[in-house]
Amino acid sequence: MRRGISASTVQRSRKTDGRDPVVGVRLPPSLIKKIDKRAKKLGLFRSEAIRLLLESGLAAEARILGTPEHLSIPQS
């Protein structure tokens, strides 16, 4: 007999409205665990936590460099 997807495995996802492009990135398992831990603590999904962390990091970099966020200098 074919089994359906249980409610515990279904996750809601962010509504796709076509405005934000999808960006794929490879992350080491250790970093994914840290992101998932932070997401759980904040009550967010992984993608929401990643967006929040990226925005926070860019804002912090701009404050440190004293430049607007869109003019941040990439670190080599």
Protein backbone atom coordinates (compact mmCIF):
# COMPACT_ATOMS: atom_id res chain seq x y z
CA MET A 1 0.00 0.00 0.00
CA ARG A 2 1.31 3.45 -0.89
CA ARG A 3 1.95 5.73 2.06
CA GLY A 4 1.35 9.47 2.00
CA ILE A 5 3.52 12.18 3.47
CA SER A 6 2.98 12.46 7.20
CA ALA A 7 2.14 15.84 8.69
CA SER A 8 5.37 15.79 10.69
CA THR A 9 7.50 15.78 7.52
CA VAL A 10 5.65 18.60 5.75
CA GLN A 11 7.09 22.05 6.31
CA ARG A 12 5.56 25.30 5.23
CA SER A 13 7.72 27.30 2.91
CA ARG A 14 8.04 30.97 2.11
CA LYS A 15 5.48 32.07 -0.41
CA THR A 16 7.04 32.33 -3.84
CA ASP A 17 5.95 35.52 -5.50
CA GLY A 18 8.64 35.71 -8.17
CA ARG A 19 10.38 38.75 -6.71
CA ASP A 20 13.28 37.08 -4.93
CA PRO A 21 15.54 34.83 -7.00
CA VAL A 22 16.68 31.50 -5.61
CA VAL A 23 20.40 31.32 -4.81
CA GLY A 24 22.03 27.96 -4.17
CA VAL A 25 25.05 27.71 -1.92
CA ARG A 26 27.08 24.80 -0.57
CA LEU A 27 27.70 24.88 3.16
CA PRO A 28 29.67 22.48 5.33
CA PRO A 29 27.54 20.32 7.66
CA SER A 30 29.01 22.03 10.74
CA LEU A 31 27.76 25.44 9.53
CA ILE A 32 24.34 24.05 8.65
CA LYS A 33 24.04 22.69 12.20
CA LYS A 34 24.87 26.12 13.63
CA ILE A 35 22.33 27.81 11.35
CA ASP A 36 19.66 25.23 12.22
CA LYS A 37 20.34 25.70 15.94
CA ARG A 38 19.99 29.48 15.59
CA ALA A 39 16.84 29.10 13.48
CA LYS A 40 15.23 26.83 16.06
CA LYS A 41 16.13 29.22 18.87
CA LEU A 42 14.55 32.14 16.97
CA GLY A 43 11.56 30.14 15.73
CA LEU A 44 12.56 30.57 12.09
CA PHE A 45 13.00 28.29 9.12
CA ARG A 46 16.53 27.71 7.86
CA SER A 47 16.08 30.02 4.87
CA GLU A 48 14.76 32.81 7.09
CA ALA A 49 17.70 32.40 9.46
CA ILE A 50 20.18 32.50 6.58
CA ARG A 51 18.62 35.72 5.25
CA LEU A 52 18.70 37.27 8.73
CA LEU A 53 22.33 36.26 9.30
CA LEU A 54 23.40 37.60 5.89
CA GLU A 55 21.61 40.92 6.43
CA SER A 56 23.09 41.25 9.93
CA GLY A 57 26.59 40.46 8.69
CA LEU A 58 26.39 42.97 5.85
CA ALA A 59 25.04 45.66 8.18
CA ALA A 60 27.82 44.99 10.73
CA GLU A 61 30.47 45.13 8.00
CA ALA A 62 29.09 48.46 6.77
CA ARG A 63 29.20 49.89 10.31
CA ILE A 64 32.80 48.72 10.79
CA LEU A 65 33.92 50.12 7.44
CA GLY A 66 31.82 53.26 7.76
CA THR A 67 30.25 52.74 4.34
CA PRO A 68 26.70 52.22 3.15
CA GLU A 69 25.79 48.52 3.00
CA HIS A 70 25.59 48.50 -0.80
CA LEU A 71 29.19 49.76 -0.99
CA SER A 72 30.70 47.14 1.34
CA ILE A 73 34.10 45.95 0.24
CA PRO A 74 34.37 42.16 -0.20
CA GLN A 75 36.96 40.59 2.09
CA SER A 76 39.60 38.46 0.37
